[in-house]
Amino acid sequence: MILNNEEITFVGFGNMGSAIVGGILKENIFTKINIIESDTSKFKLEEKRLNFIEKINSEINSSKFIFLCVKPQSFDDLSKIIKSFLSEDQILISIMAGIKISNIQNHTEHEKVVRVMPNTPAQVSRGISVWKSSDNISKNDKITVEKILNSFGKCIEVESENIIDISTALSGSGPGFIYKFLESMISAGEKSGLDKEMSRILAIETLIGSSELLRITNESPNKLREAVTSPGGTTEAGLNFMSNNDFEEIIFGTIKAAIDKSIELSKES
């Protein structure tokens, strides 16, 4: 079988799948994108490079790269269907949380697998993905995978899947923790006398601006924190309250709980 490097297939077209497709379209990485999705209401996007398909069929045969963008609990059923359509040179790229490379290989009877943990800022091309491939992926194919992942943000290749389990808690679940922090900031502004919209704008823009300053200056968070903290001032008062109420332990406990769950899901798979 001759595989077409200009063609890619996506199984599943939810928020993350559509974000990845958006990045590929923006960067013109592939000329044809097959999208397999049972929910036909998602077929509304008018783009000549997209080929919408309701069920897995032989049309995936010519795609070298096949993204699995379904929920982990759907994988067992999916693997039974897809394995009969795969050839040995095709590469499965999974974004399913907690599903190990070996598990994908065993269930699909297919050896070439890449496991990726992206995050939701991919929807605005600011995602960060952590990934690892099986040992039988060529250098050129890994370059293509990296190009795809960089099309919707940045990516880091790791040597161990354990790192993916840990980073899932920090970058994969991290946006949820940050949104919770923002919710609390906005609520605090309202309780203190600001109207909801002003509190929302101040909290969001402060987060964006602080993150950008951190990125551009490449300074440590500690140094930038010290620069905004005057002795006896308002920032110091707030930071003292954080310290007195074990803020660091709360954050560590939050990340640790997510890591433990990620490892648990990985073992269950």
Protein backbone atom coordinates (compact mmCIF):
# COMPACT_ATOMS: atom_id res chain seq x y z
CA MET A 1 0.00 0.00 0.00
CA ILE A 2 1.26 3.48 -0.87
CA LEU A 3 0.51 5.89 1.93
CA ASN A 4 -0.19 9.54 1.20
CA ASN A 5 1.82 11.92 3.38
CA GLU A 6 -0.44 14.75 2.23
CA GLU A 7 -3.45 13.14 3.93
CA ILE A 8 -4.34 12.69 7.59
CA THR A 9 -7.33 11.16 9.37
CA PHE A 10 -9.03 12.16 12.63
CA VAL A 11 -11.28 9.80 14.54
CA GLY A 12 -13.42 12.10 16.66
CA PHE A 13 -14.04 15.81 16.20
CA GLY A 14 -14.66 17.28 19.65
CA ASN A 15 -13.08 20.43 21.05
CA MET A 16 -9.54 19.08 20.99
CA GLY A 17 -9.83 17.32 17.64
CA SER A 18 -11.24 20.45 16.01
CA ALA A 19 -8.48 22.57 17.58
CA ILE A 20 -5.78 20.31 16.11
CA VAL A 21 -7.48 20.33 12.71
CA GLY A 22 -7.64 24.13 12.91
CA GLY A 23 -3.89 24.30 13.47
CA ILE A 24 -3.18 21.94 10.56
CA LEU A 25 -5.40 24.00 8.26
CA LYS A 26 -3.73 27.24 9.35
CA GLU A 27 -0.23 25.89 8.74
CA ASN A 28 -1.19 24.01 5.52
CA ILE A 29 0.50 20.82 6.70
CA PHE A 30 -1.83 18.42 4.84
CA THR A 31 -3.89 18.89 1.69
CA LYS A 32 -6.65 16.51 2.76
CA ILE A 33 -8.08 15.82 6.22
CA ASN A 34 -10.50 12.95 6.78
CA ILE A 35 -12.74 13.46 9.81
CA ILE A 36 -14.62 10.44 11.14
CA GLU A 37 -17.44 11.57 13.40
CA SER A 38 -20.80 9.94 14.13
CA ASP A 39 -22.35 13.29 15.15
CA THR A 40 -23.20 14.72 11.72
CA SER A 41 -24.12 18.10 13.25
CA LYS A 42 -20.37 18.74 13.36
CA PHE A 43 -20.11 18.48 9.57
CA LYS A 44 -20.98 22.17 9.08
CA LEU A 45 -17.45 23.49 8.63
CA GLU A 46 -17.06 24.45 4.98
CA GLU A 47 -13.47 23.82 3.99
CA LYS A 48 -12.55 22.01 0.78
CA ARG A 49 -9.65 20.18 2.44
CA LEU A 50 -12.00 18.44 4.89
CA ASN A 51 -13.63 15.11 4.09
CA PHE A 52 -16.32 14.19 6.63
CA ILE A 53 -17.08 10.49 7.16
CA GLU A 54 -19.67 8.98 9.51
CA LYS A 55 -17.95 5.63 10.14
CA ILE A 56 -14.47 4.14 9.93
CA ASN A 57 -13.97 2.60 6.52
CA SER A 58 -11.31 1.95 3.89
CA GLU A 59 -10.93 5.69 3.22
CA ILE A 60 -8.46 5.80 6.10
CA ASN A 61 -6.15 3.38 4.28
CA SER A 62 -4.23 6.12 2.48
CA SER A 63 -3.53 8.25 5.57
CA LYS A 64 -0.15 7.69 7.15
CA PHE A 65 -1.16 9.53 10.34
CA ILE A 66 -4.39 8.72 12.20
CA PHE A 67 -5.36 10.80 15.23
CA LEU A 68 -7.48 9.10 17.89
CA CYS A 69 -9.44 11.97 19.45
CA VAL A 70 -12.08 10.04 21.34
CA LYS A 71 -12.76 9.65 25.05
CA PRO A 72 -10.76 6.85 26.75
CA GLN A 73 -13.91 4.89 27.56
CA SER A 74 -14.66 4.64 23.82
CA PHE A 75 -11.29 3.11 22.98
CA ASP A 76 -12.19 -0.54 23.51
CA ASP A 77 -14.99 -0.43 20.94
CA LEU A 78 -12.96 1.75 18.59
CA SER A 79 -9.96 -0.60 18.62
CA LYS A 80 -12.08 -3.56 17.53
CA ILE A 81 -13.26 -1.64 14.48
CA ILE A 82 -10.14 0.22 13.39
CA LYS A 83 -7.58 -2.58 13.59
CA SER A 84 -8.87 -4.32 10.46
CA PHE A 85 -8.21 -1.18 8.40
CA LEU A 86 -4.62 -0.50 9.52
CA SER A 87 -1.42 -1.27 7.64
CA GLU A 88 1.93 -1.62 9.38
CA ASP A 89 3.32 1.72 8.10
CA GLN A 90 0.49 3.81 9.50
CA ILE A 91 0.96 5.77 12.73
CA LEU A 92 -1.71 6.06 15.40
CA ILE A 93 -1.55 9.32 17.37
CA SER A 94 -3.59 9.16 20.56
CA ILE A 95 -4.72 12.07 22.75
CA MET A 96 -6.72 9.75 25.02
CA ALA A 97 -5.87 10.48 28.66
CA GLY A 98 -4.49 7.55 30.64
CA ILE A 99 -4.24 5.09 27.74
CA LYS A 100 -0.66 3.82 27.48
CA ILE A 101 1.17 3.13 24.22
CA SER A 102 1.40 -0.58 25.04
CA ASN A 103 -2.34 -0.72 25.65
CA ILE A 104 -3.05 0.87 22.26
CA GLN A 105 -0.63 -1.54 20.60
CA ASN A 106 -2.23 -4.57 22.23
CA HIS A 107 -5.82 -3.59 21.50
CA THR A 108 -5.26 -2.50 17.89
CA GLU A 109 -2.57 -5.11 17.11
CA HIS A 110 -0.61 -2.20 15.67
CA GLU A 111 2.96 -1.24 16.56
CA LYS A 112 3.47 2.39 15.51
CA VAL A 113 1.90 4.62 18.15
CA VAL A 114 2.39 8.16 19.45
CA ARG A 115 0.83 9.25 22.73
CA VAL A 116 0.11 12.97 23.20
CA MET A 117 -1.29 15.00 26.09
CA PRO A 118 -2.40 18.38 24.70
CA ASN A 119 -4.43 21.00 26.58
CA THR A 120 -7.43 23.19 25.84
CA PRO A 121 -5.58 26.44 24.99
CA ALA A 122 -4.91 24.61 21.71
CA GLN A 123 -8.29 26.06 20.71
CA VAL A 124 -6.61 29.48 20.42
CA SER A 125 -3.26 28.11 19.14
CA ARG A 126 -1.63 28.47 22.56
CA GLY A 127 -1.61 24.83 23.60
CA ILE A 128 1.26 22.89 25.12
CA SER A 129 1.55 19.18 24.31
CA VAL A 130 3.71 16.52 25.93
CA TRP A 131 4.34 13.48 23.76
CA LYS A 132 6.18 10.19 23.39
CA SER A 133 6.38 7.75 20.51
CA SER A 134 6.97 4.03 20.31
CA ASP A 135 10.54 3.10 19.38
CA ASN A 136 9.70 2.18 15.78
CA ILE A 137 8.80 5.71 14.58
CA SER A 138 11.30 7.14 12.07
CA LYS A 139 13.04 10.48 12.56
CA ASN A 140 11.20 12.00 9.60
CA ASP A 141 7.83 10.87 10.91
CA LYS A 142 8.62 12.30 14.34
CA ILE A 143 9.45 15.62 12.66
CA THR A 144 6.00 15.56 11.05
CA VAL A 145 4.35 14.78 14.39
CA GLU A 146 6.21 17.69 15.95
CA LYS A 147 5.12 19.98 13.11
CA ILE A 148 1.49 18.99 13.71
CA LEU A 149 1.72 19.59 17.46
CA ASN A 150 3.44 22.94 16.98
CA SER A 151 0.66 24.06 14.65
CA PHE A 152 -1.63 24.66 17.64
CA GLY A 153 0.96 25.72 20.23
CA LYS A 154 4.19 24.18 21.48
CA CYS A 155 5.27 20.65 22.30
CA ILE A 156 7.78 18.74 24.42
CA GLU A 157 8.93 15.21 23.57
CA VAL A 158 9.69 13.07 26.62
CA GLU A 159 11.47 9.75 27.08
CA SER A 160 9.09 8.20 29.60
CA GLU A 161 5.32 7.82 29.68
CA ASN A 162 5.47 8.44 33.42
CA ILE A 163 6.32 12.05 32.57
CA ILE A 164 3.09 12.24 30.54
CA ASP A 165 1.11 10.99 33.55
CA ILE A 166 2.68 13.69 35.73
CA SER A 167 2.45 16.50 33.19
CA THR A 168 -1.22 15.64 32.58
CA ALA A 169 -1.90 17.08 36.03
CA LEU A 170 0.09 20.27 35.41
CA SER A 171 -0.69 21.17 31.80
CA GLY A 172 -3.66 18.96 30.95
CA SER A 173 -5.69 19.71 34.09
CA GLY A 174 -3.88 22.99 34.78
CA PRO A 175 -6.29 25.19 32.79
CA GLY A 176 -9.11 23.98 35.05
CA PHE A 177 -7.13 24.99 38.15
CA ILE A 178 -6.31 28.39 36.64
CA TYR A 179 -9.96 28.98 35.75
CA LYS A 180 -10.91 28.14 39.34
CA PHE A 181 -8.34 30.67 40.57
CA LEU A 182 -9.78 33.26 38.18
CA GLU A 183 -13.31 32.50 39.37
CA SER A 184 -12.16 33.19 42.92
CA MET A 185 -10.34 36.41 41.91
CA ILE A 186 -13.43 37.71 40.10
CA SER A 187 -15.67 36.76 43.00
CA ALA A 188 -13.33 38.49 45.47
CA GLY A 189 -13.46 41.66 43.36
CA GLU A 190 -17.24 41.58 43.38
CA LYS A 191 -17.43 40.97 47.14
CA SER A 192 -15.08 43.91 47.64
CA GLY A 193 -17.29 46.33 45.71
CA LEU A 194 -16.43 46.04 42.00
CA ASP A 195 -19.12 45.29 39.46
CA LYS A 196 -18.89 41.82 37.88
CA GLU A 197 -17.68 42.94 34.44
CA MET A 198 -14.94 45.20 35.78
CA SER A 199 -13.79 42.50 38.18
CA ARG A 200 -13.72 40.00 35.30
CA ILE A 201 -11.68 42.28 33.03
CA LEU A 202 -9.17 43.18 35.74
CA ALA A 203 -8.63 39.54 36.75
CA ILE A 204 -8.27 38.18 33.20
CA GLU A 205 -6.02 40.98 31.92
CA THR A 206 -3.85 40.77 35.01
CA LEU A 207 -3.34 37.04 34.42
CA ILE A 208 -2.59 37.52 30.71
CA GLY A 209 -0.24 40.45 31.31
CA SER A 210 1.63 38.76 34.15
CA SER A 211 2.09 35.58 32.10
CA GLU A 212 3.35 37.55 29.10
CA LEU A 213 5.80 39.50 31.26
CA LEU A 214 7.09 36.23 32.68
CA ARG A 215 7.47 34.78 29.17
CA ILE A 216 9.16 37.80 27.58
CA THR A 217 11.58 38.66 30.40
CA ASN A 218 12.40 34.99 31.11
CA GLU A 219 12.74 35.96 34.77
CA SER A 220 11.77 33.59 37.55
CA PRO A 221 8.29 33.98 39.05
CA ASN A 222 10.02 34.55 42.38
CA LYS A 223 12.01 37.55 41.08
CA LEU A 224 8.96 39.14 39.43
CA ARG A 225 6.96 38.58 42.61
CA GLU A 226 9.65 40.35 44.64
CA ALA A 227 9.68 43.26 42.16
CA VAL A 228 5.97 43.96 42.75
CA THR A 229 6.16 43.51 46.52
CA SER A 230 6.92 46.64 48.59
CA PRO A 231 7.70 46.26 52.30
CA GLY A 232 4.56 47.00 54.28
CA GLY A 233 2.48 47.30 51.10
CA THR A 234 -0.71 45.75 49.76
CA THR A 235 0.98 42.92 47.82
CA GLU A 236 2.97 41.90 50.89
CA ALA A 237 -0.22 41.83 52.97
CA GLY A 238 -1.92 39.52 50.49
CA LEU A 239 1.14 37.27 50.15
CA ASN A 240 1.43 37.00 53.92
CA PHE A 241 -2.19 35.82 54.06
CA MET A 242 -1.38 33.20 51.40
CA SER A 243 1.63 31.95 53.36
CA ASN A 244 -0.24 31.86 56.65
CA ASN A 245 -2.96 29.75 55.02
CA ASP A 246 -0.62 27.20 53.36
CA PHE A 247 -1.23 28.40 49.80
CA GLU A 248 1.74 26.41 48.46
CA GLU A 249 0.50 23.24 50.14
CA ILE A 250 -2.95 23.76 48.63
CA ILE A 251 -1.44 24.05 45.15
CA PHE A 252 0.84 21.05 45.67
CA GLY A 253 -2.07 19.00 47.01
CA THR A 254 -4.17 19.96 43.99
CA ILE A 255 -1.47 18.87 41.54
CA LYS A 256 -0.69 15.72 43.56
CA ALA A 257 -4.36 14.67 43.57
CA ALA A 258 -4.49 15.07 39.78
CA ILE A 259 -1.21 13.16 39.34
CA ASP A 260 -2.47 10.29 41.51
CA LYS A 261 -5.66 10.09 39.46
CA SER A 262 -3.70 10.18 36.20
CA ILE A 263 -1.49 7.29 37.35
CA GLU A 264 -4.56 5.38 38.54
CA LEU A 265 -6.30 5.79 35.17
CA SER A 266 -3.12 4.75 33.38
CA LYS A 267 -2.89 1.55 35.44
CA GLU A 268 -6.56 0.79 34.89
CA SER A 269 -6.07 1.04 31.12
